[in-house]
Amino acid sequence: LTGVPREQRAFQYLLAHAIPGDPRHVLQTFDQWCYRREHLSSVGPVKGRIVERLLYERAPRRVLELGTYCGYATVLLAQGLPPGARLYTVEVDPRHAAVAEKVIRLAGFAEETVELIVGPSEEVIPRLRERHGLPEADFVFMDHGKRCYLRDLQLLESHRLLAPGATVLADNVLFPGAPRFLQYAKTCGKYRCKVHRASLEY
């Protein structure tokens, strides 16, 4: 009714209620909006704990996120990085990227820590090494178009962008589902697979 997209409305709520430079409070404020006002398809706090645990266990130096959306998971990932680590996040929709950029900076992360790249993942991935200086990713979080999961995993493989022992974490592989991605990951012989059970967001 207002003509303002719900992602922008969520950011306006963050501006009014979140503590700048406090990533945990930014995420909590985001959760309040999604529980009480409007649903946004961010990873949310329940699955977010899985992400946080894996980040803590792996302590990756180079993280790649495919599907920034409004920047919720980006902030979640960035706050769990060890000192000196760097996060590259890719978003295809310029409108969502504009919101995410403001959310990331509101949470206190500079471009030296979090680089937001706007463009289709199939075009960005082949350029990550030369244009963005990502030699290899130790940790990949996929939360973009489910039909892109398999294609982009194979692109990362063919461009040798997965470090030895890298972790690939993919959201929503059961619902709405990414069956071809799951089948490949389980049967290609390159990965050890684990399915983490969780509820849907909010």
N, C-alpha and C. Protein backbone atom coordinates (compact mmCIF):
# COMPACT_ATOMS: atom_id res chain seq x y z
N LEU A 1 0.82 -1.20 0.00
CA LEU A 1 0.00 0.00 0.00
C LEU A 1 0.85 1.26 0.00
N THR A 2 2.01 1.19 0.64
CA THR A 2 2.87 2.38 0.73
C THR A 2 3.70 2.56 -0.53
N GLY A 3 3.81 1.52 -1.34
CA GLY A 3 4.70 1.57 -2.49
C GLY A 3 6.15 1.32 -2.13
N VAL A 4 6.43 1.07 -0.84
CA VAL A 4 7.79 0.78 -0.38
C VAL A 4 7.94 -0.74 -0.28
N PRO A 5 8.92 -1.35 -0.93
CA PRO A 5 9.09 -2.81 -0.84
C PRO A 5 9.29 -3.27 0.60
N ARG A 6 8.85 -4.48 0.90
CA ARG A 6 8.93 -4.95 2.29
C ARG A 6 10.37 -5.05 2.78
N GLU A 7 11.33 -5.31 1.87
CA GLU A 7 12.73 -5.35 2.28
C GLU A 7 13.19 -3.97 2.75
N GLN A 8 12.72 -2.92 2.07
CA GLN A 8 13.06 -1.56 2.49
C GLN A 8 12.35 -1.19 3.78
N ARG A 9 11.12 -1.67 3.95
CA ARG A 9 10.39 -1.43 5.22
C ARG A 9 11.14 -2.08 6.37
N ALA A 10 11.66 -3.28 6.14
CA ALA A 10 12.42 -3.97 7.18
C ALA A 10 13.66 -3.17 7.55
N PHE A 11 14.33 -2.61 6.53
CA PHE A 11 15.54 -1.82 6.82
C PHE A 11 15.19 -0.56 7.61
N GLN A 12 14.08 0.08 7.26
CA GLN A 12 13.67 1.26 8.02
C GLN A 12 13.42 0.92 9.49
N TYR A 13 12.86 -0.28 9.73
CA TYR A 13 12.65 -0.75 11.10
C TYR A 13 14.00 -0.95 11.79
N LEU A 14 14.97 -1.53 11.07
CA LEU A 14 16.31 -1.71 11.64
C LEU A 14 16.93 -0.37 12.00
N LEU A 15 16.80 0.60 11.11
CA LEU A 15 17.37 1.93 11.38
C LEU A 15 16.79 2.53 12.65
N ALA A 16 15.50 2.30 12.86
CA ALA A 16 14.83 2.90 14.01
C ALA A 16 15.12 2.16 15.32
N HIS A 17 15.42 0.84 15.25
CA HIS A 17 15.48 0.04 16.47
C HIS A 17 16.80 -0.67 16.74
N ALA A 18 17.61 -0.90 15.73
CA ALA A 18 18.86 -1.65 15.93
C ALA A 18 19.98 -0.75 16.40
N ILE A 19 20.91 -1.32 17.16
CA ILE A 19 22.09 -0.58 17.63
C ILE A 19 23.15 -0.66 16.55
N PRO A 20 23.53 0.47 15.95
CA PRO A 20 24.55 0.45 14.89
C PRO A 20 25.87 -0.12 15.40
N GLY A 21 26.50 -0.94 14.57
CA GLY A 21 27.77 -1.54 14.94
C GLY A 21 27.67 -2.75 15.83
N ASP A 22 26.45 -3.19 16.15
CA ASP A 22 26.23 -4.37 17.00
C ASP A 22 25.55 -5.44 16.16
N PRO A 23 26.32 -6.33 15.50
CA PRO A 23 25.70 -7.29 14.58
C PRO A 23 24.67 -8.19 15.22
N ARG A 24 24.91 -8.61 16.46
CA ARG A 24 23.93 -9.50 17.12
C ARG A 24 22.61 -8.78 17.34
N HIS A 25 22.68 -7.51 17.72
CA HIS A 25 21.44 -6.75 17.94
C HIS A 25 20.73 -6.47 16.61
N VAL A 26 21.50 -6.26 15.54
CA VAL A 26 20.90 -6.09 14.21
C VAL A 26 20.11 -7.35 13.83
N LEU A 27 20.68 -8.52 14.07
CA LEU A 27 20.00 -9.78 13.75
C LEU A 27 18.75 -9.97 14.62
N GLN A 28 18.87 -9.66 15.91
CA GLN A 28 17.71 -9.78 16.80
C GLN A 28 16.58 -8.85 16.37
N THR A 29 16.93 -7.65 15.93
CA THR A 29 15.92 -6.69 15.47
C THR A 29 15.27 -7.18 14.17
N PHE A 30 16.07 -7.75 13.29
CA PHE A 30 15.57 -8.37 12.07
C PHE A 30 14.56 -9.47 12.42
N ASP A 31 14.91 -10.30 13.40
CA ASP A 31 14.01 -11.39 13.82
C ASP A 31 12.69 -10.84 14.36
N GLN A 32 12.78 -9.76 15.15
CA GLN A 32 11.56 -9.15 15.69
C GLN A 32 10.63 -8.72 14.55
N TRP A 33 11.20 -8.09 13.52
CA TRP A 33 10.41 -7.66 12.38
C TRP A 33 9.73 -8.86 11.71
N CYS A 34 10.49 -9.92 11.51
CA CYS A 34 9.96 -11.08 10.77
C CYS A 34 8.93 -11.85 11.59
N TYR A 35 9.11 -11.91 12.89
CA TYR A 35 8.13 -12.61 13.74
C TYR A 35 6.85 -11.79 13.91
N ARG A 36 6.98 -10.47 14.03
CA ARG A 36 5.84 -9.64 14.43
C ARG A 36 5.20 -8.86 13.29
N ARG A 37 5.96 -8.58 12.23
CA ARG A 37 5.45 -7.70 11.18
C ARG A 37 5.27 -8.45 9.86
N GLU A 38 6.36 -8.68 9.14
CA GLU A 38 6.28 -9.29 7.81
C GLU A 38 7.34 -10.37 7.67
N HIS A 39 6.97 -11.47 7.00
CA HIS A 39 7.92 -12.55 6.79
C HIS A 39 8.92 -12.18 5.69
N LEU A 40 10.19 -12.40 5.96
CA LEU A 40 11.24 -12.30 4.95
C LEU A 40 11.96 -13.64 4.92
N SER A 41 12.34 -14.08 3.73
CA SER A 41 12.94 -15.42 3.61
C SER A 41 14.44 -15.37 3.91
N SER A 42 14.77 -14.89 5.11
CA SER A 42 16.14 -14.95 5.60
C SER A 42 16.34 -16.29 6.30
N VAL A 43 17.59 -16.62 6.63
CA VAL A 43 17.86 -17.93 7.21
C VAL A 43 17.25 -18.06 8.60
N GLY A 44 17.12 -16.96 9.34
CA GLY A 44 16.46 -16.97 10.63
C GLY A 44 17.32 -17.52 11.76
N PRO A 45 16.83 -17.40 13.01
CA PRO A 45 17.67 -17.74 14.17
C PRO A 45 17.85 -19.24 14.38
N VAL A 46 16.86 -20.08 14.02
CA VAL A 46 16.98 -21.52 14.28
C VAL A 46 18.07 -22.13 13.40
N LYS A 47 17.95 -21.93 12.09
CA LYS A 47 18.99 -22.43 11.19
C LYS A 47 20.27 -21.62 11.35
N GLY A 48 20.13 -20.38 11.79
CA GLY A 48 21.30 -19.55 12.02
C GLY A 48 22.26 -20.15 13.03
N ARG A 49 21.72 -20.87 14.03
CA ARG A 49 22.57 -21.51 15.03
C ARG A 49 23.42 -22.62 14.40
N ILE A 50 22.87 -23.30 13.40
CA ILE A 50 23.65 -24.32 12.67
C ILE A 50 24.81 -23.66 11.95
N VAL A 51 24.51 -22.54 11.27
CA VAL A 51 25.55 -21.80 10.55
C VAL A 51 26.64 -21.36 11.52
N GLU A 52 26.23 -20.80 12.65
CA GLU A 52 27.20 -20.31 13.64
C GLU A 52 28.08 -21.44 14.16
N ARG A 53 27.48 -22.58 14.44
CA ARG A 53 28.25 -23.71 14.97
C ARG A 53 29.29 -24.20 13.97
N LEU A 54 28.87 -24.33 12.71
CA LEU A 54 29.80 -24.80 11.69
C LEU A 54 30.93 -23.80 11.45
N LEU A 55 30.60 -22.51 11.47
CA LEU A 55 31.64 -21.49 11.34
C LEU A 55 32.65 -21.58 12.48
N TYR A 56 32.15 -21.77 13.69
CA TYR A 56 33.03 -21.87 14.85
C TYR A 56 33.94 -23.09 14.74
N GLU A 57 33.38 -24.22 14.26
CA GLU A 57 34.16 -25.45 14.14
C GLU A 57 35.22 -25.34 13.04
N ARG A 58 34.87 -24.69 11.93
CA ARG A 58 35.76 -24.66 10.76
C ARG A 58 36.73 -23.49 10.78
N ALA A 59 36.35 -22.37 11.40
CA ALA A 59 37.18 -21.14 11.43
C ALA A 59 37.74 -20.81 10.05
N PRO A 60 36.88 -20.61 9.04
CA PRO A 60 37.37 -20.39 7.67
C PRO A 60 38.00 -19.02 7.49
N ARG A 61 38.97 -18.93 6.59
CA ARG A 61 39.62 -17.66 6.28
C ARG A 61 38.93 -16.94 5.13
N ARG A 62 38.36 -17.71 4.20
CA ARG A 62 37.69 -17.14 3.03
C ARG A 62 36.31 -17.77 2.89
N VAL A 63 35.27 -16.94 2.98
CA VAL A 63 33.89 -17.42 2.94
C VAL A 63 33.19 -16.83 1.72
N LEU A 64 32.43 -17.67 1.03
CA LEU A 64 31.63 -17.22 -0.12
C LEU A 64 30.16 -17.50 0.17
N GLU A 65 29.34 -16.46 0.06
CA GLU A 65 27.88 -16.61 0.20
C GLU A 65 27.23 -16.35 -1.15
N LEU A 66 26.39 -17.27 -1.58
CA LEU A 66 25.63 -17.10 -2.83
C LEU A 66 24.17 -16.85 -2.45
N GLY A 67 23.71 -15.62 -2.68
CA GLY A 67 22.35 -15.23 -2.30
C GLY A 67 22.35 -14.36 -1.06
N THR A 68 22.64 -13.07 -1.24
CA THR A 68 22.73 -12.14 -0.10
C THR A 68 21.35 -11.78 0.44
N TYR A 69 20.39 -11.60 -0.46
CA TYR A 69 19.05 -11.09 -0.16
C TYR A 69 19.18 -9.80 0.64
N CYS A 70 18.70 -9.73 1.86
CA CYS A 70 18.75 -8.48 2.64
C CYS A 70 19.97 -8.39 3.55
N GLY A 71 20.82 -9.39 3.52
CA GLY A 71 22.05 -9.32 4.30
C GLY A 71 21.99 -9.97 5.67
N TYR A 72 20.88 -10.66 5.99
CA TYR A 72 20.77 -11.29 7.32
C TYR A 72 21.87 -12.33 7.51
N ALA A 73 21.94 -13.31 6.60
CA ALA A 73 22.95 -14.36 6.73
C ALA A 73 24.36 -13.80 6.57
N THR A 74 24.49 -12.72 5.80
CA THR A 74 25.79 -12.09 5.62
C THR A 74 26.31 -11.57 6.95
N VAL A 75 25.45 -10.90 7.71
CA VAL A 75 25.83 -10.41 9.03
C VAL A 75 26.13 -11.58 9.96
N LEU A 76 25.30 -12.62 9.89
CA LEU A 76 25.49 -13.81 10.71
C LEU A 76 26.86 -14.44 10.43
N LEU A 77 27.19 -14.57 9.14
CA LEU A 77 28.48 -15.13 8.75
C LEU A 77 29.63 -14.23 9.18
N ALA A 78 29.48 -12.93 8.92
CA ALA A 78 30.58 -11.99 9.19
C ALA A 78 30.92 -11.93 10.67
N GLN A 79 29.91 -12.01 11.53
CA GLN A 79 30.20 -11.91 12.97
C GLN A 79 30.90 -13.17 13.49
N GLY A 80 30.81 -14.27 12.73
CA GLY A 80 31.46 -15.51 13.15
C GLY A 80 32.82 -15.74 12.54
N LEU A 81 33.32 -14.78 11.76
CA LEU A 81 34.61 -14.95 11.10
C LEU A 81 35.75 -14.80 12.10
N PRO A 82 36.81 -15.59 11.93
CA PRO A 82 38.01 -15.33 12.75
C PRO A 82 38.69 -14.04 12.30
N PRO A 83 39.54 -13.45 13.14
CA PRO A 83 40.22 -12.20 12.77
C PRO A 83 41.00 -12.34 11.46
N GLY A 84 40.86 -11.33 10.60
CA GLY A 84 41.58 -11.32 9.33
C GLY A 84 40.90 -12.07 8.20
N ALA A 85 39.78 -12.73 8.50
CA ALA A 85 39.05 -13.47 7.46
C ALA A 85 38.24 -12.51 6.60
N ARG A 86 37.79 -13.00 5.45
CA ARG A 86 37.06 -12.14 4.50
C ARG A 86 35.87 -12.90 3.95
N LEU A 87 34.77 -12.18 3.76
CA LEU A 87 33.52 -12.74 3.24
C LEU A 87 33.17 -12.07 1.92
N TYR A 88 32.89 -12.90 0.92
CA TYR A 88 32.42 -12.42 -0.39
C TYR A 88 30.97 -12.88 -0.52
N THR A 89 30.06 -11.95 -0.79
CA THR A 89 28.66 -12.32 -0.91
C THR A 89 28.11 -11.83 -2.25
N VAL A 90 27.31 -12.68 -2.91
CA VAL A 90 26.86 -12.45 -4.29
C VAL A 90 25.34 -12.37 -4.32
N GLU A 91 24.81 -11.29 -4.89
CA GLU A 91 23.36 -11.10 -5.00
C GLU A 91 23.01 -10.67 -6.42
N VAL A 92 22.02 -11.36 -7.01
CA VAL A 92 21.65 -11.08 -8.39
C VAL A 92 20.74 -9.85 -8.52
N ASP A 93 19.92 -9.57 -7.51
CA ASP A 93 18.92 -8.50 -7.59
C ASP A 93 19.50 -7.19 -7.05
N PRO A 94 19.66 -6.17 -7.90
CA PRO A 94 20.26 -4.91 -7.42
C PRO A 94 19.46 -4.24 -6.31
N ARG A 95 18.14 -4.40 -6.32
CA ARG A 95 17.32 -3.77 -5.26
C ARG A 95 17.59 -4.43 -3.91
N HIS A 96 17.67 -5.75 -3.89
CA HIS A 96 18.00 -6.45 -2.64
C HIS A 96 19.42 -6.13 -2.21
N ALA A 97 20.34 -6.05 -3.19
CA ALA A 97 21.73 -5.75 -2.87
C ALA A 97 21.86 -4.37 -2.22
N ALA A 98 21.06 -3.41 -2.69
CA ALA A 98 21.12 -2.05 -2.12
C ALA A 98 20.70 -2.05 -0.65
N VAL A 99 19.67 -2.84 -0.32
CA VAL A 99 19.25 -2.98 1.08
C VAL A 99 20.33 -3.70 1.88
N ALA A 100 20.84 -4.80 1.32
CA ALA A 100 21.85 -5.61 2.02
C ALA A 100 23.09 -4.79 2.33
N GLU A 101 23.51 -3.97 1.39
CA GLU A 101 24.71 -3.13 1.60
C GLU A 101 24.53 -2.26 2.84
N LYS A 102 23.35 -1.67 2.98
CA LYS A 102 23.08 -0.79 4.13
C LYS A 102 23.00 -1.60 5.42
N VAL A 103 22.43 -2.80 5.36
CA VAL A 103 22.33 -3.66 6.55
C VAL A 103 23.73 -4.07 7.02
N ILE A 104 24.56 -4.48 6.06
CA ILE A 104 25.92 -4.94 6.38
C ILE A 104 26.73 -3.82 7.03
N ARG A 105 26.63 -2.62 6.46
CA ARG A 105 27.39 -1.49 7.01
C ARG A 105 26.80 -1.03 8.34
N LEU A 106 25.47 -1.10 8.48
CA LEU A 106 24.83 -0.77 9.77
C LEU A 106 25.35 -1.68 10.87
N ALA A 107 25.56 -2.96 10.52
CA ALA A 107 26.06 -3.93 11.51
C ALA A 107 27.53 -3.71 11.86
N GLY A 108 28.20 -2.85 11.09
CA GLY A 108 29.56 -2.47 11.44
C GLY A 108 30.66 -3.13 10.63
N PHE A 109 30.31 -3.76 9.51
CA PHE A 109 31.32 -4.45 8.71
C PHE A 109 31.74 -3.62 7.51
N ALA A 110 33.03 -3.35 7.41
CA ALA A 110 33.57 -2.55 6.31
C ALA A 110 33.80 -3.45 5.10
N GLU A 111 34.08 -2.81 3.97
CA GLU A 111 34.29 -3.56 2.72
C GLU A 111 35.53 -4.43 2.78
N GLU A 112 36.47 -4.11 3.65
CA GLU A 112 37.66 -4.94 3.82
C GLU A 112 37.30 -6.31 4.39
N THR A 113 36.19 -6.38 5.13
CA THR A 113 35.75 -7.64 5.72
C THR A 113 34.68 -8.31 4.88
N VAL A 114 33.71 -7.53 4.38
CA VAL A 114 32.59 -8.07 3.61
C VAL A 114 32.51 -7.33 2.28
N GLU A 115 32.69 -8.07 1.18
CA GLU A 115 32.55 -7.50 -0.16
C GLU A 115 31.26 -8.01 -0.78
N LEU A 116 30.39 -7.08 -1.15
CA LEU A 116 29.12 -7.42 -1.80
C LEU A 116 29.29 -7.28 -3.31
N ILE A 117 29.00 -8.36 -4.02
CA ILE A 117 29.16 -8.40 -5.47
C ILE A 117 27.77 -8.57 -6.09
N VAL A 118 27.39 -7.67 -6.99
CA VAL A 118 26.06 -7.70 -7.60
C VAL A 118 26.17 -8.31 -8.99
N GLY A 119 25.38 -9.36 -9.23
CA GLY A 119 25.37 -10.00 -10.54
C GLY A 119 24.93 -11.45 -10.43
N PRO A 120 24.61 -12.08 -11.57
CA PRO A 120 24.23 -13.50 -11.57
C PRO A 120 25.41 -14.37 -11.14
N SER A 121 25.14 -15.35 -10.30
CA SER A 121 26.23 -16.17 -9.76
C SER A 121 27.02 -16.88 -10.85
N GLU A 122 26.33 -17.28 -11.93
CA GLU A 122 27.05 -18.00 -12.99
C GLU A 122 28.03 -17.10 -13.74
N GLU A 123 27.83 -15.78 -13.65
CA GLU A 123 28.78 -14.84 -14.25
C GLU A 123 29.85 -14.40 -13.25
N VAL A 124 29.47 -14.32 -11.98
CA VAL A 124 30.40 -13.84 -10.95
C VAL A 124 31.44 -14.91 -10.61
N ILE A 125 31.00 -16.17 -10.44
CA ILE A 125 31.91 -17.22 -9.98
C ILE A 125 33.18 -17.33 -10.83
N PRO A 126 33.08 -17.36 -12.18
CA PRO A 126 34.31 -17.48 -12.98
C PRO A 126 35.27 -16.29 -12.82
N ARG A 127 34.78 -15.15 -12.30
CA ARG A 127 35.62 -13.96 -12.17
C ARG A 127 36.13 -13.74 -10.74
N LEU A 128 35.77 -14.62 -9.82
CA LEU A 128 36.08 -14.37 -8.42
C LEU A 128 37.58 -14.26 -8.16
N ARG A 129 38.36 -15.10 -8.81
CA ARG A 129 39.81 -15.07 -8.55
C ARG A 129 40.45 -13.82 -9.15
N GLU A 130 40.22 -13.59 -10.43
CA GLU A 130 40.90 -12.49 -11.10
C GLU A 130 40.37 -11.12 -10.70
N ARG A 131 39.04 -10.97 -10.63
CA ARG A 131 38.46 -9.65 -10.38
C ARG A 131 38.33 -9.31 -8.91
N HIS A 132 38.10 -10.33 -8.07
CA HIS A 132 37.81 -10.05 -6.66
C HIS A 132 38.86 -10.60 -5.70
N GLY A 133 39.85 -11.29 -6.22
CA GLY A 133 40.96 -11.73 -5.38
C GLY A 133 40.64 -12.87 -4.45
N LEU A 134 39.67 -13.72 -4.82
CA LEU A 134 39.35 -14.90 -3.99
C LEU A 134 40.08 -16.11 -4.59
N PRO A 135 41.19 -16.54 -3.99
CA PRO A 135 41.91 -17.69 -4.56
C PRO A 135 41.15 -18.99 -4.39
N GLU A 136 40.63 -19.21 -3.18
CA GLU A 136 39.84 -20.41 -2.86
C GLU A 136 38.92 -20.08 -1.69
N ALA A 137 37.77 -20.74 -1.64
CA ALA A 137 36.86 -20.57 -0.52
C ALA A 137 36.98 -21.77 0.42
N ASP A 138 37.09 -21.47 1.72
CA ASP A 138 37.11 -22.54 2.73
C ASP A 138 35.70 -22.93 3.16
N PHE A 139 34.75 -22.01 2.93
CA PHE A 139 33.37 -22.20 3.41
C PHE A 139 32.44 -21.52 2.41
N VAL A 140 31.46 -22.26 1.91
CA VAL A 140 30.49 -21.71 0.96
C VAL A 140 29.09 -21.88 1.55
N PHE A 141 28.33 -20.79 1.56
CA PHE A 141 26.93 -20.86 2.01
C PHE A 141 26.04 -20.54 0.83
N MET A 142 25.21 -21.51 0.44
CA MET A 142 24.29 -21.34 -0.69
C MET A 142 22.88 -21.10 -0.18
N ASP A 143 22.32 -19.96 -0.57
CA ASP A 143 20.94 -19.66 -0.20
C ASP A 143 20.31 -18.80 -1.29
N HIS A 144 20.59 -19.16 -2.55
CA HIS A 144 20.02 -18.43 -3.68
C HIS A 144 19.02 -19.35 -4.39
N GLY A 145 18.87 -19.24 -5.69
CA GLY A 145 17.91 -20.07 -6.40
C GLY A 145 18.27 -21.55 -6.31
N LYS A 146 17.35 -22.37 -5.84
CA LYS A 146 17.66 -23.78 -5.59
C LYS A 146 18.09 -24.50 -6.87
N ARG A 147 17.55 -24.09 -8.00
CA ARG A 147 17.93 -24.71 -9.27
C ARG A 147 19.35 -24.35 -9.68
N CYS A 148 19.93 -23.36 -9.00
CA CYS A 148 21.31 -22.94 -9.31
C CYS A 148 22.34 -23.70 -8.48
N TYR A 149 21.92 -24.43 -7.46
CA TYR A 149 22.87 -25.04 -6.53
C TYR A 149 23.85 -25.96 -7.24
N LEU A 150 23.34 -26.92 -8.01
CA LEU A 150 24.22 -27.88 -8.66
C LEU A 150 25.13 -27.20 -9.67
N ARG A 151 24.54 -26.36 -10.51
CA ARG A 151 25.34 -25.65 -11.51
C ARG A 151 26.47 -24.88 -10.86
N ASP A 152 26.17 -24.16 -9.77
CA ASP A 152 27.18 -23.30 -9.16
C ASP A 152 28.22 -24.11 -8.39
N LEU A 153 27.82 -25.23 -7.79
CA LEU A 153 28.80 -26.10 -7.15
C LEU A 153 29.80 -26.62 -8.19
N GLN A 154 29.29 -27.03 -9.34
CA GLN A 154 30.16 -27.52 -10.39
C GLN A 154 31.02 -26.41 -11.00
N LEU A 155 30.48 -25.19 -11.03
CA LEU A 155 31.29 -24.04 -11.46
C LEU A 155 32.45 -23.79 -10.48
N LEU A 156 32.15 -23.87 -9.19
CA LEU A 156 33.21 -23.69 -8.19
C LEU A 156 34.27 -24.77 -8.34
N GLU A 157 33.84 -25.99 -8.63
CA GLU A 157 34.80 -27.09 -8.84
C GLU A 157 35.66 -26.83 -10.08
N SER A 158 35.01 -26.50 -11.19
CA SER A 158 35.74 -26.37 -12.46
C SER A 158 36.71 -25.19 -12.44
N HIS A 159 36.42 -24.17 -11.64
CA HIS A 159 37.33 -23.02 -11.52
C HIS A 159 38.27 -23.16 -10.33
N ARG A 160 38.27 -24.34 -9.71
CA ARG A 160 39.16 -24.67 -8.59
C ARG A 160 39.07 -23.62 -7.47
N LEU A 161 37.84 -23.29 -7.12
CA LEU A 161 37.60 -22.28 -6.09
C LEU A 161 37.27 -22.88 -4.72
N LEU A 162 37.25 -24.22 -4.63
CA LEU A 162 37.01 -24.87 -3.35
C LEU A 162 38.35 -25.33 -2.77
N ALA A 163 38.70 -24.82 -1.60
CA ALA A 163 39.94 -25.22 -0.95
C ALA A 163 39.84 -26.68 -0.51
N PRO A 164 40.96 -27.38 -0.38
CA PRO A 164 40.90 -28.75 0.15
C PRO A 164 40.21 -28.78 1.51
N GLY A 165 39.25 -29.67 1.67
CA GLY A 165 38.51 -29.76 2.93
C GLY A 165 37.45 -28.68 3.13
N ALA A 166 37.12 -27.96 2.06
CA ALA A 166 36.12 -26.88 2.18
C ALA A 166 34.76 -27.43 2.62
N THR A 167 34.01 -26.58 3.30
CA THR A 167 32.63 -26.90 3.71
C THR A 167 31.67 -26.17 2.78
N VAL A 168 30.69 -26.90 2.25
CA VAL A 168 29.61 -26.30 1.45
C VAL A 168 28.31 -26.52 2.22
N LEU A 169 27.70 -25.43 2.65
CA LEU A 169 26.45 -25.49 3.40
C LEU A 169 25.34 -24.92 2.52
N ALA A 170 24.30 -25.72 2.27
CA ALA A 170 23.22 -25.30 1.36
C ALA A 170 21.89 -25.33 2.11
N ASP A 171 21.16 -24.22 2.03
CA ASP A 171 19.89 -24.08 2.74
C ASP A 171 18.74 -24.60 1.87
N ASN A 172 17.69 -25.09 2.54
CA ASN A 172 16.43 -25.47 1.89
C ASN A 172 16.58 -26.56 0.82
N VAL A 173 17.46 -27.53 1.05
CA VAL A 173 17.65 -28.58 0.05
C VAL A 173 16.52 -29.61 0.05
N LEU A 174 15.76 -29.68 1.17
CA LEU A 174 14.63 -30.61 1.23
C LEU A 174 13.32 -29.92 0.84
N PHE A 175 13.15 -28.68 1.30
CA PHE A 175 11.96 -27.90 0.96
C PHE A 175 12.35 -26.44 0.83
N PRO A 176 12.10 -25.77 -0.30
CA PRO A 176 11.43 -26.30 -1.50
C PRO A 176 12.21 -27.37 -2.24
N GLY A 177 13.50 -27.53 -1.95
CA GLY A 177 14.24 -28.67 -2.43
C GLY A 177 15.19 -28.41 -3.57
N ALA A 178 16.32 -29.14 -3.52
CA ALA A 178 17.32 -29.11 -4.59
C ALA A 178 17.77 -30.56 -4.82
N PRO A 179 16.88 -31.40 -5.38
CA PRO A 179 17.16 -32.85 -5.46
C PRO A 179 18.38 -33.20 -6.30
N ARG A 180 18.61 -32.51 -7.41
CA ARG A 180 19.75 -32.83 -8.27
C ARG A 180 21.06 -32.48 -7.57
N PHE A 181 21.06 -31.39 -6.85
CA PHE A 181 22.23 -31.00 -6.06
C PHE A 181 22.53 -32.05 -5.00
N LEU A 182 21.49 -32.48 -4.28
CA LEU A 182 21.67 -33.47 -3.22
C LEU A 182 22.19 -34.79 -3.78
N GLN A 183 21.59 -35.23 -4.89
CA GLN A 183 22.00 -36.49 -5.49
C GLN A 183 23.47 -36.43 -5.90
N TYR A 184 23.86 -35.33 -6.52
CA TYR A 184 25.25 -35.18 -6.95
C TYR A 184 26.19 -35.19 -5.75
N ALA A 185 25.86 -34.42 -4.73
CA ALA A 185 26.73 -34.32 -3.56
C ALA A 185 26.91 -35.68 -2.88
N LYS A 186 25.85 -36.48 -2.90
CA LYS A 186 25.90 -37.78 -2.22
C LYS A 186 26.59 -38.86 -3.04
N THR A 187 26.56 -38.74 -4.37
CA THR A 187 27.00 -39.86 -5.21
C THR A 187 28.28 -39.58 -6.01
N CYS A 188 28.74 -38.33 -6.06
CA CYS A 188 29.89 -38.03 -6.93
C CYS A 188 31.21 -38.50 -6.33
N GLY A 189 31.22 -38.79 -5.03
CA GLY A 189 32.43 -39.28 -4.39
C GLY A 189 33.39 -38.21 -3.89
N LYS A 190 33.03 -36.94 -4.04
CA LYS A 190 33.92 -35.85 -3.63
C LYS A 190 33.61 -35.31 -2.23
N TYR A 191 32.42 -35.63 -1.73
CA TYR A 191 31.95 -34.98 -0.50
C TYR A 191 31.46 -35.99 0.52
N ARG A 192 31.59 -35.62 1.80
CA ARG A 192 30.88 -36.31 2.88
C ARG A 192 29.67 -35.46 3.20
N CYS A 193 28.50 -36.06 3.19
CA CYS A 193 27.26 -35.28 3.30
C CYS A 193 26.57 -35.50 4.65
N LYS A 194 25.98 -34.41 5.12
CA LYS A 194 25.15 -34.47 6.33
C LYS A 194 23.95 -33.55 6.13
N VAL A 195 22.76 -34.03 6.42
CA VAL A 195 21.55 -33.22 6.36
C VAL A 195 21.23 -32.73 7.77
N HIS A 196 21.12 -31.42 7.93
CA HIS A 196 20.78 -30.82 9.22
C HIS A 196 19.27 -30.57 9.24
N ARG A 197 18.58 -31.17 10.17
CA ARG A 197 17.13 -30.98 10.28
C ARG A 197 16.83 -29.66 10.98
N ALA A 198 15.91 -28.90 10.41
CA ALA A 198 15.54 -27.61 11.00
C ALA A 198 14.14 -27.24 10.54
N SER A 199 13.54 -26.29 11.26
CA SER A 199 12.22 -25.79 10.86
C SER A 199 12.39 -24.72 9.80
N LEU A 200 11.27 -24.37 9.15
CA LEU A 200 11.30 -23.25 8.21
C LEU A 200 11.51 -21.94 8.97
N GLU A 201 11.88 -20.91 8.24
CA GLU A 201 12.17 -19.62 8.87
C GLU A 201 10.91 -19.03 9.52
N TYR A 202 11.06 -18.57 10.74
CA TYR A 202 10.01 -17.82 11.45
C TYR A 202 8.68 -18.57 11.48
